[in-house]
Amino acid sequence: MSSAVDKYRSLCAQEPSIPLFSQAWWLDATVGEGRWDVALVEKGDTVVATMPYVQRKRYGFTLLGQPALTQNLGPWLRETVAKSSTKLAQQKDWLQALIVQLPPFDHYIQNWHWQMGNWLPFYWAGFTQTTRYTYILHELGDEPALWQGLRENIRTDIKKASNRFQLRVRDDLSIDDFLVLNRMTFTRQDMSVPYTEAFVRKLDQACAIRQARRIFIAEDEQGRQHAGVYVVWDSNSAYYLMGGGNPELRNSGATSLCMWEAIKFAATVTRRFDFEGSMIEPVEKFFRAFGAQQTPYFTVSKTPSIALKITQCLRELKKDWNK
């Protein structure tokens, strides 16, 4: 294990502003201890900038990215009280120092945390950026205001689930119960699950040990489980990580009810609720209906390999041809 990783572990233990998905323990759980690395900038004895990454080999190509179920990674910069021009100059120096520490790669791609708004030094280094969106509830303290912020159809779904279908939301069920619902959702869409159940169980164990996750499952009086929501959090934010539902019971409003209970719970443990966003139109419409603020974040990438660029272009051409 590199000395940079050791320093990063110590930093994570002391610095609450490092996002959940960039925490060393999260990377250990999703990739494995010793299987990720970090670029790190120090000024004196103080770490001022970091960028963890996962390095993988695929078909002879070296890829730098982030693990499954990890909504963002990318740079973290220490906050300073310097004036704007000085701060931007610092960020330029720190980000350039992170870039030169990356190992040789054929393709880099990471989603950056929404608070990381300066990617200009990466642009100068030949990287590209795509703007994506998440939805965030920034204030959780006023439950009546949160309720009023819901679109009418969401409030109707929540009332229908509670009153007509007599659903109750349980938070004492197991990861196995949730995985059944999660798998059903992918099967309904004729999609393969993008992670293994063993992977989820390992991550769930790491989160449970740290009291950083809760599972909400809506169940009816017959014991049928309609839908579930899996939430993780740190002191800065809660995140909707996974969901699932029984396709035969999807008209009960259970997903809206689970999400509402998750938001109310989040208000007791953290500051925000991040829906993690989606560029898929029906999913975006659902998240937006909870009154959350549309918030941009960056997907930053670079593909120095000409061979890989050609492969990517051919794949896109094939996709367009088959539409």
C-alpha atoms as a PDB file:
ATOM      1  CA  MET A   1       0.000   0.000   0.000  1.00  0.00           C
ATOM      2  CA  SER A   2       1.382   3.398  -0.974  1.00  0.00           C
ATOM      3  CA  SER A   3       2.295   6.038   1.589  1.00  0.00           C
ATOM      4  CA  ALA A   4      -0.202   8.311  -0.191  1.00  0.00           C
ATOM      5  CA  VAL A   5      -2.996   5.882   0.660  1.00  0.00           C
ATOM      6  CA  ASP A   6      -1.855   5.755   4.308  1.00  0.00           C
ATOM      7  CA  LYS A   7      -1.935   9.555   4.473  1.00  0.00           C
ATOM      8  CA  TYR A   8      -5.313   9.568   2.780  1.00  0.00           C
ATOM      9  CA  ARG A   9      -6.735   7.152   5.343  1.00  0.00           C
ATOM     10  CA  SER A  10      -5.605   9.457   8.130  1.00  0.00           C
ATOM     11  CA  LEU A  11      -7.102  12.447   6.323  1.00  0.00           C
ATOM     12  CA  CYS A  12     -10.469  10.700   5.899  1.00  0.00           C
ATOM     13  CA  ALA A  13     -10.552   9.953   9.617  1.00  0.00           C
ATOM     14  CA  GLN A  14     -10.073  13.653  10.420  1.00  0.00           C
ATOM     15  CA  GLU A  15     -11.753  15.590   7.591  1.00  0.00           C
ATOM     16  CA  PRO A  16     -15.592  15.478   7.532  1.00  0.00           C
ATOM     17  CA  SER A  17     -15.831  17.437   4.276  1.00  0.00           C
ATOM     18  CA  ILE A  18     -14.564  14.475   2.225  1.00  0.00           C
ATOM     19  CA  PRO A  19     -17.715  13.023   0.594  1.00  0.00           C
ATOM     20  CA  LEU A  20     -18.980   9.586   1.576  1.00  0.00           C
ATOM     21  CA  PHE A  21     -18.108   7.944  -1.742  1.00  0.00           C
ATOM     22  CA  SER A  22     -14.514   9.202  -1.501  1.00  0.00           C
ATOM     23  CA  GLN A  23     -13.969   7.825   1.995  1.00  0.00           C
ATOM     24  CA  ALA A  24     -11.242   5.199   2.329  1.00  0.00           C
ATOM     25  CA  TRP A  25     -13.581   2.713   3.971  1.00  0.00           C
ATOM     26  CA  TRP A  26     -16.081   3.038   1.105  1.00  0.00           C
ATOM     27  CA  LEU A  27     -13.335   2.308  -1.433  1.00  0.00           C
ATOM     28  CA  ASP A  28     -12.180  -0.665   0.634  1.00  0.00           C
ATOM     29  CA  ALA A  29     -15.728  -2.029   0.606  1.00  0.00           C
ATOM     30  CA  THR A  30     -16.404  -1.472  -3.098  1.00  0.00           C
ATOM     31  CA  VAL A  31     -12.975  -2.299  -4.551  1.00  0.00           C
ATOM     32  CA  GLY A  32     -10.942  -3.969  -1.839  1.00  0.00           C
ATOM     33  CA  GLU A  33      -8.138  -2.835   0.412  1.00  0.00           C
ATOM     34  CA  GLY A  34      -4.955  -2.347  -1.591  1.00  0.00           C
ATOM     35  CA  ARG A  35      -6.840  -2.214  -4.915  1.00  0.00           C
ATOM     36  CA  TRP A  36      -7.258   1.550  -5.202  1.00  0.00           C
ATOM     37  CA  ASP A  37      -4.855   4.463  -5.122  1.00  0.00           C
ATOM     38  CA  VAL A  38      -4.902   8.221  -4.652  1.00  0.00           C
ATOM     39  CA  ALA A  39      -3.145  11.306  -5.999  1.00  0.00           C
ATOM     40  CA  LEU A  40      -2.335  13.631  -3.128  1.00  0.00           C
ATOM     41  CA  VAL A  41      -0.953  17.169  -2.778  1.00  0.00           C
ATOM     42  CA  GLU A  42       0.637  18.459   0.422  1.00  0.00           C
ATOM     43  CA  LYS A  43       1.700  21.894   1.578  1.00  0.00           C
ATOM     44  CA  GLY A  44       4.034  21.390   4.487  1.00  0.00           C
ATOM     45  CA  ASP A  45       2.367  18.819   6.721  1.00  0.00           C
ATOM     46  CA  THR A  46      -1.135  19.596   5.432  1.00  0.00           C
ATOM     47  CA  VAL A  47      -2.905  17.646   2.709  1.00  0.00           C
ATOM     48  CA  VAL A  48      -4.590  20.228   0.473  1.00  0.00           C
ATOM     49  CA  ALA A  49      -5.877  18.143  -2.466  1.00  0.00           C
ATOM     50  CA  THR A  50      -6.684  14.515  -3.206  1.00  0.00           C
ATOM     51  CA  MET A  51      -8.107  12.401  -6.000  1.00  0.00           C
ATOM     52  CA  PRO A  52      -8.710   8.700  -5.342  1.00  0.00           C
ATOM     53  CA  TYR A  53      -9.097   6.388  -8.330  1.00  0.00           C
ATOM     54  CA  VAL A  54      -9.503   2.757  -9.273  1.00  0.00           C
ATOM     55  CA  GLN A  55      -7.173   1.304 -11.891  1.00  0.00           C
ATOM     56  CA  ARG A  56      -8.314  -1.655 -13.975  1.00  0.00           C
ATOM     57  CA  LYS A  57      -7.037  -3.569 -16.985  1.00  0.00           C
ATOM     58  CA  ARG A  58      -9.525  -4.442 -19.733  1.00  0.00           C
ATOM     59  CA  TYR A  59      -8.469  -6.064 -23.018  1.00  0.00           C
ATOM     60  CA  GLY A  60      -4.984  -4.662 -22.585  1.00  0.00           C
ATOM     61  CA  PHE A  61      -6.205  -1.117 -21.855  1.00  0.00           C
ATOM     62  CA  THR A  62      -5.539   0.702 -18.581  1.00  0.00           C
ATOM     63  CA  LEU A  63      -8.708   2.328 -17.247  1.00  0.00           C
ATOM     64  CA  LEU A  64      -8.985   4.800 -14.374  1.00  0.00           C
ATOM     65  CA  GLY A  65     -12.430   5.286 -12.865  1.00  0.00           C
ATOM     66  CA  GLN A  66     -14.651   4.572  -9.897  1.00  0.00           C
ATOM     67  CA  PRO A  67     -16.362   1.511  -8.414  1.00  0.00           C
ATOM     68  CA  ALA A  68     -19.942   0.333  -8.846  1.00  0.00           C
ATOM     69  CA  LEU A  69     -22.572   2.013  -6.647  1.00  0.00           C
ATOM     70  CA  THR A  70     -20.203   4.966  -6.221  1.00  0.00           C
ATOM     71  CA  GLN A  71     -22.033   8.044  -7.424  1.00  0.00           C
ATOM     72  CA  ASN A  72     -18.987  10.304  -7.502  1.00  0.00           C
ATOM     73  CA  LEU A  73     -15.265  10.352  -6.885  1.00  0.00           C
ATOM     74  CA  GLY A  74     -12.880  12.920  -8.377  1.00  0.00           C
ATOM     75  CA  PRO A  75     -10.870  15.674  -6.656  1.00  0.00           C
ATOM     76  CA  TRP A  76     -11.293  17.020  -3.154  1.00  0.00           C
ATOM     77  CA  LEU A  77      -9.746  20.429  -2.389  1.00  0.00           C
ATOM     78  CA  ARG A  78      -9.226  21.851   1.058  1.00  0.00           C
ATOM     79  CA  GLU A  79     -11.382  24.922   1.658  1.00  0.00           C
ATOM     80  CA  THR A  80      -9.484  28.147   2.298  1.00  0.00           C
ATOM     81  CA  VAL A  81     -10.428  31.674   3.354  1.00  0.00           C
ATOM     82  CA  ALA A  82      -8.352  33.267   0.594  1.00  0.00           C
ATOM     83  CA  LYS A  83      -9.925  35.826  -1.719  1.00  0.00           C
ATOM     84  CA  SER A  84     -11.379  34.545  -4.981  1.00  0.00           C
ATOM     85  CA  SER A  85      -8.390  35.232  -7.248  1.00  0.00           C
ATOM     86  CA  THR A  86      -5.980  33.621  -4.794  1.00  0.00           C
ATOM     87  CA  LYS A  87      -8.271  30.638  -4.299  1.00  0.00           C
ATOM     88  CA  LEU A  88      -8.530  30.015  -8.049  1.00  0.00           C
ATOM     89  CA  ALA A  89      -4.754  30.216  -8.371  1.00  0.00           C
ATOM     90  CA  GLN A  90      -4.409  27.670  -5.565  1.00  0.00           C
ATOM     91  CA  GLN A  91      -6.948  25.379  -7.196  1.00  0.00           C
ATOM     92  CA  LYS A  92      -5.106  25.602 -10.516  1.00  0.00           C
ATOM     93  CA  ASP A  93      -1.823  24.573  -8.883  1.00  0.00           C
ATOM     94  CA  TRP A  94      -3.403  21.796  -6.825  1.00  0.00           C
ATOM     95  CA  LEU A  95      -5.431  20.302  -9.670  1.00  0.00           C
ATOM     96  CA  GLN A  96      -2.452  20.364 -12.016  1.00  0.00           C
ATOM     97  CA  ALA A  97      -0.401  18.620  -9.344  1.00  0.00           C
ATOM     98  CA  LEU A  98      -3.078  15.908  -9.086  1.00  0.00           C
ATOM     99  CA  ILE A  99      -3.136  15.379 -12.851  1.00  0.00           C
ATOM    100  CA  VAL A 100       0.606  14.753 -13.146  1.00  0.00           C
ATOM    101  CA  GLN A 101       0.395  12.113 -10.400  1.00  0.00           C
ATOM    102  CA  LEU A 102      -2.047   9.936 -12.339  1.00  0.00           C
ATOM    103  CA  PRO A 103      -0.424   6.798 -13.741  1.00  0.00           C
ATOM    104  CA  PRO A 104      -0.314   6.327 -17.542  1.00  0.00           C
ATOM    105  CA  PHE A 105      -3.796   5.432 -18.741  1.00  0.00           C
ATOM    106  CA  ASP A 106      -5.792   4.729 -21.890  1.00  0.00           C
ATOM    107  CA  HIS A 107      -9.067   6.034 -20.521  1.00  0.00           C
ATOM    108  CA  TYR A 108     -10.068   8.094 -17.483  1.00  0.00           C
ATOM    109  CA  ILE A 109     -13.646   8.779 -16.466  1.00  0.00           C
ATOM    110  CA  GLN A 110     -15.102   9.896 -13.127  1.00  0.00           C
ATOM    111  CA  ASN A 111     -18.200  11.654 -11.897  1.00  0.00           C
ATOM    112  CA  TRP A 112     -17.163  14.562  -9.694  1.00  0.00           C
ATOM    113  CA  HIS A 113     -19.024  15.683  -6.603  1.00  0.00           C
ATOM    114  CA  TRP A 114     -21.439  18.530  -7.335  1.00  0.00           C
ATOM    115  CA  GLN A 115     -19.510  20.870  -5.034  1.00  0.00           C
ATOM    116  CA  MET A 116     -16.403  20.504  -7.224  1.00  0.00           C
ATOM    117  CA  GLY A 117     -17.098  23.208  -9.795  1.00  0.00           C
ATOM    118  CA  ASN A 118     -13.657  24.016 -11.237  1.00  0.00           C
ATOM    119  CA  TRP A 119     -12.443  21.596 -13.902  1.00  0.00           C
ATOM    120  CA  LEU A 120     -10.572  24.200 -15.997  1.00  0.00           C
ATOM    121  CA  PRO A 121      -7.059  22.810 -15.309  1.00  0.00           C
ATOM    122  CA  PHE A 122      -8.286  19.426 -16.554  1.00  0.00           C
ATOM    123  CA  TYR A 123      -9.567  21.109 -19.725  1.00  0.00           C
ATOM    124  CA  TRP A 124      -6.114  22.595 -20.275  1.00  0.00           C
ATOM    125  CA  ALA A 125      -4.694  19.080 -19.862  1.00  0.00           C
ATOM    126  CA  GLY A 126      -6.884  17.687 -22.646  1.00  0.00           C
ATOM    127  CA  PHE A 127      -9.758  16.286 -20.591  1.00  0.00           C
ATOM    128  CA  THR A 128     -13.401  16.739 -21.595  1.00  0.00           C
ATOM    129  CA  GLN A 129     -16.488  17.310 -19.482  1.00  0.00           C
ATOM    130  CA  THR A 130     -20.159  16.388 -19.692  1.00  0.00           C
ATOM    131  CA  THR A 131     -22.628  18.158 -17.412  1.00  0.00           C
ATOM    132  CA  ARG A 132     -25.082  15.850 -15.679  1.00  0.00           C
ATOM    133  CA  TYR A 133     -27.693  16.531 -13.010  1.00  0.00           C
ATOM    134  CA  THR A 134     -28.652  15.272  -9.622  1.00  0.00           C
ATOM    135  CA  TYR A 135     -31.561  16.397  -7.440  1.00  0.00           C
ATOM    136  CA  ILE A 136     -30.909  17.519  -3.871  1.00  0.00           C
ATOM    137  CA  LEU A 137     -33.059  18.553  -0.935  1.00  0.00           C
ATOM    138  CA  HIS A 138     -30.756  21.038   0.779  1.00  0.00           C
ATOM    139  CA  GLU A 139     -32.958  21.722   3.809  1.00  0.00           C
ATOM    140  CA  LEU A 140     -34.476  18.826   5.735  1.00  0.00           C
ATOM    141  CA  GLY A 141     -35.445  20.509   8.979  1.00  0.00           C
ATOM    142  CA  ASP A 142     -38.992  21.604   8.109  1.00  0.00           C
ATOM    143  CA  GLU A 143     -41.158  18.534   7.452  1.00  0.00           C
ATOM    144  CA  PRO A 144     -44.360  20.480   6.600  1.00  0.00           C
ATOM    145  CA  ALA A 145     -42.362  22.486   4.028  1.00  0.00           C
ATOM    146  CA  LEU A 146     -40.953  19.273   2.573  1.00  0.00           C
ATOM    147  CA  TRP A 147     -44.474  17.859   2.306  1.00  0.00           C
ATOM    148  CA  GLN A 148     -45.737  20.979   0.571  1.00  0.00           C
ATOM    149  CA  GLY A 149     -42.766  20.786  -1.811  1.00  0.00           C
ATOM    150  CA  LEU A 150     -43.918  17.401  -3.123  1.00  0.00           C
ATOM    151  CA  ARG A 151     -45.855  17.364  -6.366  1.00  0.00           C
ATOM    152  CA  GLU A 152     -49.529  16.492  -5.936  1.00  0.00           C
ATOM    153  CA  ASN A 153     -49.131  13.082  -7.593  1.00  0.00           C
ATOM    154  CA  ILE A 154     -46.439  12.098  -5.069  1.00  0.00           C
ATOM    155  CA  ARG A 155     -48.606  13.169  -2.129  1.00  0.00           C
ATOM    156  CA  THR A 156     -51.492  11.196  -3.664  1.00  0.00           C
ATOM    157  CA  ASP A 157     -49.273   8.109  -4.023  1.00  0.00           C
ATOM    158  CA  ILE A 158     -48.113   8.351  -0.411  1.00  0.00           C
ATOM    159  CA  LYS A 159     -51.692   8.683   0.869  1.00  0.00           C
ATOM    160  CA  LYS A 160     -52.860   5.838  -1.378  1.00  0.00           C
ATOM    161  CA  ALA A 161     -50.087   3.551  -0.163  1.00  0.00           C
ATOM    162  CA  SER A 162     -50.837   4.316   3.484  1.00  0.00           C
ATOM    163  CA  ASN A 163     -54.624   4.472   3.423  1.00  0.00           C
ATOM    164  CA  ARG A 164     -55.979   2.357   0.572  1.00  0.00           C
ATOM    165  CA  PHE A 165     -53.283  -0.334   0.502  1.00  0.00           C
ATOM    166  CA  GLN A 166     -52.535  -0.161   4.238  1.00  0.00           C
ATOM    167  CA  LEU A 167     -48.792  -0.357   3.650  1.00  0.00           C
ATOM    168  CA  ARG A 168     -46.346   0.090   6.485  1.00  0.00           C
ATOM    169  CA  VAL A 169     -42.698   0.893   5.934  1.00  0.00           C
ATOM    170  CA  ARG A 170     -40.325  -1.368   7.817  1.00  0.00           C
ATOM    171  CA  ASP A 171     -36.658  -0.635   8.462  1.00  0.00           C
ATOM    172  CA  ASP A 172     -35.867  -3.895  10.253  1.00  0.00           C
ATOM    173  CA  LEU A 173     -35.722  -6.222   7.249  1.00  0.00           C
ATOM    174  CA  SER A 174     -32.569  -7.760   5.796  1.00  0.00           C
ATOM    175  CA  ILE A 175     -30.417  -6.999   2.794  1.00  0.00           C
ATOM    176  CA  ASP A 176     -31.691 -10.278   1.315  1.00  0.00           C
ATOM    177  CA  ASP A 177     -35.273  -8.951   1.376  1.00  0.00           C
ATOM    178  CA  PHE A 178     -34.129  -5.815  -0.397  1.00  0.00           C
ATOM    179  CA  LEU A 179     -32.097  -7.678  -3.019  1.00  0.00           C
ATOM    180  CA  VAL A 180     -35.177  -9.629  -4.089  1.00  0.00           C
ATOM    181  CA  LEU A 181     -36.983  -6.349  -4.866  1.00  0.00           C
ATOM    182  CA  ASN A 182     -33.894  -4.831  -6.449  1.00  0.00           C
ATOM    183  CA  ARG A 183     -33.469  -7.816  -8.766  1.00  0.00           C
ATOM    184  CA  MET A 184     -37.159  -7.657  -9.765  1.00  0.00           C
ATOM    185  CA  THR A 185     -36.715  -4.099 -11.051  1.00  0.00           C
ATOM    186  CA  PHE A 186     -33.888  -5.046 -13.391  1.00  0.00           C
ATOM    187  CA  THR A 187     -35.731  -8.164 -14.569  1.00  0.00           C
ATOM    188  CA  ARG A 188     -38.828  -6.089 -15.405  1.00  0.00           C
ATOM    189  CA  GLN A 189     -36.686  -3.823 -17.589  1.00  0.00           C
ATOM    190  CA  ASP A 190     -34.919  -6.814 -19.184  1.00  0.00           C
ATOM    191  CA  MET A 191     -31.588  -5.507 -17.874  1.00  0.00           C
ATOM    192  CA  SER A 192     -28.741  -7.336 -16.191  1.00  0.00           C
ATOM    193  CA  VAL A 193     -27.966  -6.268 -12.629  1.00  0.00           C
ATOM    194  CA  PRO A 194     -24.754  -4.152 -12.807  1.00  0.00           C
ATOM    195  CA  TYR A 195     -23.333  -5.619  -9.584  1.00  0.00           C
ATOM    196  CA  THR A 196     -23.290  -8.983  -7.851  1.00  0.00           C
ATOM    197  CA  GLU A 197     -25.223  -9.771  -4.699  1.00  0.00           C
ATOM    198  CA  ALA A 198     -21.923 -10.629  -2.997  1.00  0.00           C
ATOM    199  CA  PHE A 199     -20.703  -7.115  -3.829  1.00  0.00           C
ATOM    200  CA  VAL A 200     -23.827  -5.525  -2.308  1.00  0.00           C
ATOM    201  CA  ARG A 201     -23.620  -7.685   0.818  1.00  0.00           C
ATOM    202  CA  LYS A 202     -19.997  -6.675   1.392  1.00  0.00           C
ATOM    203  CA  LEU A 203     -20.844  -2.988   0.987  1.00  0.00           C
ATOM    204  CA  ASP A 204     -23.931  -3.360   3.169  1.00  0.00           C
ATOM    205  CA  GLN A 205     -21.866  -4.911   5.948  1.00  0.00           C
ATOM    206  CA  ALA A 206     -19.360  -2.054   5.842  1.00  0.00           C
ATOM    207  CA  CYS A 207     -22.168   0.526   5.964  1.00  0.00           C
ATOM    208  CA  ALA A 208     -24.044  -1.284   8.745  1.00  0.00           C
ATOM    209  CA  ILE A 209     -20.927  -1.466  10.929  1.00  0.00           C
ATOM    210  CA  ARG A 210     -20.630   2.316  10.656  1.00  0.00           C
ATOM    211  CA  GLN A 211     -24.372   2.881  11.109  1.00  0.00           C
ATOM    212  CA  ALA A 212     -24.401   4.600   7.727  1.00  0.00           C
ATOM    213  CA  ARG A 213     -27.258   2.832   5.944  1.00  0.00           C
ATOM    214  CA  ARG A 214     -30.934   2.052   6.321  1.00  0.00           C
ATOM    215  CA  ILE A 215     -33.297  -0.068   4.258  1.00  0.00           C
ATOM    216  CA  PHE A 216     -36.945   0.972   3.906  1.00  0.00           C
ATOM    217  CA  ILE A 217     -39.376  -1.679   2.633  1.00  0.00           C
ATOM    218  CA  ALA A 218     -43.116  -1.172   2.208  1.00  0.00           C
ATOM    219  CA  GLU A 219     -45.115  -4.225   3.257  1.00  0.00           C
ATOM    220  CA  ASP A 220     -48.863  -4.886   3.174  1.00  0.00           C
ATOM    221  CA  GLU A 221     -51.071  -6.671   5.694  1.00  0.00           C
ATOM    222  CA  GLN A 222     -50.534  -9.991   3.888  1.00  0.00           C
ATOM    223  CA  GLY A 223     -46.778  -9.666   4.286  1.00  0.00           C
ATOM    224  CA  ARG A 224     -46.147  -8.912   0.619  1.00  0.00           C
ATOM    225  CA  GLN A 225     -43.219  -6.578   0.050  1.00  0.00           C
ATOM    226  CA  HIS A 226     -44.107  -3.941  -2.554  1.00  0.00           C
ATOM    227  CA  ALA A 227     -40.993  -1.757  -2.857  1.00  0.00           C
ATOM    228  CA  GLY A 228     -37.760  -0.863  -1.142  1.00  0.00           C
ATOM    229  CA  VAL A 229     -35.295   2.014  -0.888  1.00  0.00           C
ATOM    230  CA  TYR A 230     -31.680   1.733   0.257  1.00  0.00           C
ATOM    231  CA  VAL A 231     -30.147   4.904   1.724  1.00  0.00           C
ATOM    232  CA  VAL A 232     -26.599   5.676   2.883  1.00  0.00           C
ATOM    233  CA  TRP A 233     -25.342   8.814   4.616  1.00  0.00           C
ATOM    234  CA  ASP A 234     -22.574  10.771   6.261  1.00  0.00           C
ATOM    235  CA  SER A 235     -22.684  14.037   8.209  1.00  0.00           C
ATOM    236  CA  ASN A 236     -23.058  16.034   4.978  1.00  0.00           C
ATOM    237  CA  SER A 237     -25.753  14.195   3.063  1.00  0.00           C
ATOM    238  CA  ALA A 238     -27.921  11.127   2.681  1.00  0.00           C
ATOM    239  CA  TYR A 239     -27.959   9.401  -0.697  1.00  0.00           C
ATOM    240  CA  TYR A 240     -30.547   7.258  -2.414  1.00  0.00           C
ATOM    241  CA  LEU A 241     -28.256   4.399  -3.436  1.00  0.00           C
ATOM    242  CA  MET A 242     -30.590   1.657  -4.704  1.00  0.00           C
ATOM    243  CA  GLY A 243     -34.246   0.860  -5.100  1.00  0.00           C
ATOM    244  CA  GLY A 244     -36.488  -1.989  -6.115  1.00  0.00           C
ATOM    245  CA  GLY A 245     -40.070  -3.041  -6.454  1.00  0.00           C
ATOM    246  CA  ASN A 246     -42.402  -5.911  -7.227  1.00  0.00           C
ATOM    247  CA  PRO A 247     -43.721  -5.222 -10.762  1.00  0.00           C
ATOM    248  CA  GLU A 248     -47.039  -6.900  -9.927  1.00  0.00           C
ATOM    249  CA  LEU A 249     -47.605  -4.394  -7.105  1.00  0.00           C
ATOM    250  CA  ARG A 250     -46.131  -1.245  -8.644  1.00  0.00           C
ATOM    251  CA  ASN A 251     -49.407   0.742  -8.650  1.00  0.00           C
ATOM    252  CA  SER A 252     -49.674   0.861  -4.867  1.00  0.00           C
ATOM    253  CA  GLY A 253     -47.565   4.018  -4.443  1.00  0.00           C
ATOM    254  CA  ALA A 254     -45.072   2.047  -2.339  1.00  0.00           C
ATOM    255  CA  THR A 255     -41.938   3.566  -3.871  1.00  0.00           C
ATOM    256  CA  SER A 256     -43.114   7.119  -3.137  1.00  0.00           C
ATOM    257  CA  LEU A 257     -43.989   6.106   0.417  1.00  0.00           C
ATOM    258  CA  CYS A 258     -40.559   4.499   0.986  1.00  0.00           C
ATOM    259  CA  MET A 259     -38.792   7.537  -0.429  1.00  0.00           C
ATOM    260  CA  TRP A 260     -40.798   9.884   1.793  1.00  0.00           C
ATOM    261  CA  GLU A 261     -39.958   7.831   4.887  1.00  0.00           C
ATOM    262  CA  ALA A 262     -36.291   7.830   3.846  1.00  0.00           C
ATOM    263  CA  ILE A 263     -36.302  11.627   3.527  1.00  0.00           C
ATOM    264  CA  LYS A 264     -37.918  12.061   6.934  1.00  0.00           C
ATOM    265  CA  PHE A 265     -35.359   9.729   8.468  1.00  0.00           C
ATOM    266  CA  ALA A 266     -32.486  11.552   6.744  1.00  0.00           C
ATOM    267  CA  ALA A 267     -33.531  14.738   8.539  1.00  0.00           C
ATOM    268  CA  THR A 268     -32.587  13.050  11.823  1.00  0.00           C
ATOM    269  CA  VAL A 269     -29.034  12.110  10.818  1.00  0.00           C
ATOM    270  CA  THR A 270     -27.697  14.569   8.223  1.00  0.00           C
ATOM    271  CA  ARG A 271     -28.134  17.887   6.375  1.00  0.00           C
ATOM    272  CA  ARG A 272     -29.245  17.013   2.827  1.00  0.00           C
ATOM    273  CA  PHE A 273     -30.894  14.319   0.753  1.00  0.00           C
ATOM    274  CA  ASP A 274     -29.293  13.564  -2.612  1.00  0.00           C
ATOM    275  CA  PHE A 275     -31.379  11.507  -5.053  1.00  0.00           C
ATOM    276  CA  GLU A 276     -28.148  10.829  -6.991  1.00  0.00           C
ATOM    277  CA  GLY A 277     -29.825  12.080 -10.130  1.00  0.00           C
ATOM    278  CA  SER A 278     -30.516  10.345 -13.399  1.00  0.00           C
ATOM    279  CA  MET A 279     -30.318  11.302 -17.038  1.00  0.00           C
ATOM    280  CA  ILE A 280     -33.128   8.805 -17.762  1.00  0.00           C
ATOM    281  CA  GLU A 281     -36.238  10.909 -18.351  1.00  0.00           C
ATOM    282  CA  PRO A 282     -38.853   8.907 -16.363  1.00  0.00           C
ATOM    283  CA  VAL A 283     -36.476   8.577 -13.389  1.00  0.00           C
ATOM    284  CA  GLU A 284     -35.614  12.288 -13.515  1.00  0.00           C
ATOM    285  CA  LYS A 285     -39.320  13.116 -13.525  1.00  0.00           C
ATOM    286  CA  PHE A 286     -39.874  11.016 -10.396  1.00  0.00           C
ATOM    287  CA  PHE A 287     -36.958  12.573  -8.479  1.00  0.00           C
ATOM    288  CA  ARG A 288     -37.915  16.096  -9.511  1.00  0.00           C
ATOM    289  CA  ALA A 289     -41.418  15.548  -8.135  1.00  0.00           C
ATOM    290  CA  PHE A 290     -40.025  15.452  -4.575  1.00  0.00           C
ATOM    291  CA  GLY A 291     -39.284  19.171  -4.721  1.00  0.00           C
ATOM    292  CA  ALA A 292     -35.526  18.768  -4.861  1.00  0.00           C
ATOM    293  CA  GLN A 293     -33.228  21.308  -6.491  1.00  0.00           C
ATOM    294  CA  GLN A 294     -31.696  20.400  -9.850  1.00  0.00           C
ATOM    295  CA  THR A 295     -27.932  20.480  -9.300  1.00  0.00           C
ATOM    296  CA  PRO A 296     -25.280  20.051 -12.011  1.00  0.00           C
ATOM    297  CA  TYR A 297     -22.183  17.921 -11.628  1.00  0.00           C
ATOM    298  CA  PHE A 298     -19.385  17.008 -14.018  1.00  0.00           C
ATOM    299  CA  THR A 299     -18.410  13.753 -15.676  1.00  0.00           C
ATOM    300  CA  VAL A 300     -14.773  14.314 -16.618  1.00  0.00           C
ATOM    301  CA  SER A 301     -12.979  12.021 -19.065  1.00  0.00           C
ATOM    302  CA  LYS A 302      -9.956  11.606 -21.289  1.00  0.00           C
ATOM    303  CA  THR A 303      -8.986   8.895 -23.784  1.00  0.00           C
ATOM    304  CA  PRO A 304      -5.351   9.227 -24.890  1.00  0.00           C
ATOM    305  CA  SER A 305      -5.443   5.799 -26.595  1.00  0.00           C
ATOM    306  CA  ILE A 306      -6.208   6.124 -30.334  1.00  0.00           C
ATOM    307  CA  ALA A 307      -7.092   2.432 -30.518  1.00  0.00           C
ATOM    308  CA  LEU A 308      -9.616   2.808 -27.715  1.00  0.00           C
ATOM    309  CA  LYS A 309     -11.071   5.953 -29.323  1.00  0.00           C
ATOM    310  CA  ILE A 310     -11.669   3.998 -32.532  1.00  0.00           C
ATOM    311  CA  THR A 311     -13.281   1.172 -30.560  1.00  0.00           C
ATOM    312  CA  GLN A 312     -15.573   3.640 -28.782  1.00  0.00           C
ATOM    313  CA  CYS A 313     -16.552   5.305 -32.085  1.00  0.00           C
ATOM    314  CA  LEU A 314     -17.373   1.942 -33.680  1.00  0.00           C
ATOM    315  CA  ARG A 315     -19.497   1.015 -30.666  1.00  0.00           C
ATOM    316  CA  GLU A 316     -21.443   4.277 -30.927  1.00  0.00           C
ATOM    317  CA  LEU A 317     -21.930   3.797 -34.678  1.00  0.00           C
ATOM    318  CA  LYS A 318     -23.256   0.287 -34.079  1.00  0.00           C
ATOM    319  CA  LYS A 319     -25.615   1.607 -31.394  1.00  0.00           C
ATOM    320  CA  ASP A 320     -26.956   4.305 -33.775  1.00  0.00           C
ATOM    321  CA  TRP A 321     -27.287   1.772 -36.612  1.00  0.00           C
ATOM    322  CA  ASN A 322     -29.361  -0.567 -34.440  1.00  0.00           C
ATOM    323  CA  LYS A 323     -31.784   2.121 -33.279  1.00  0.00           C
END
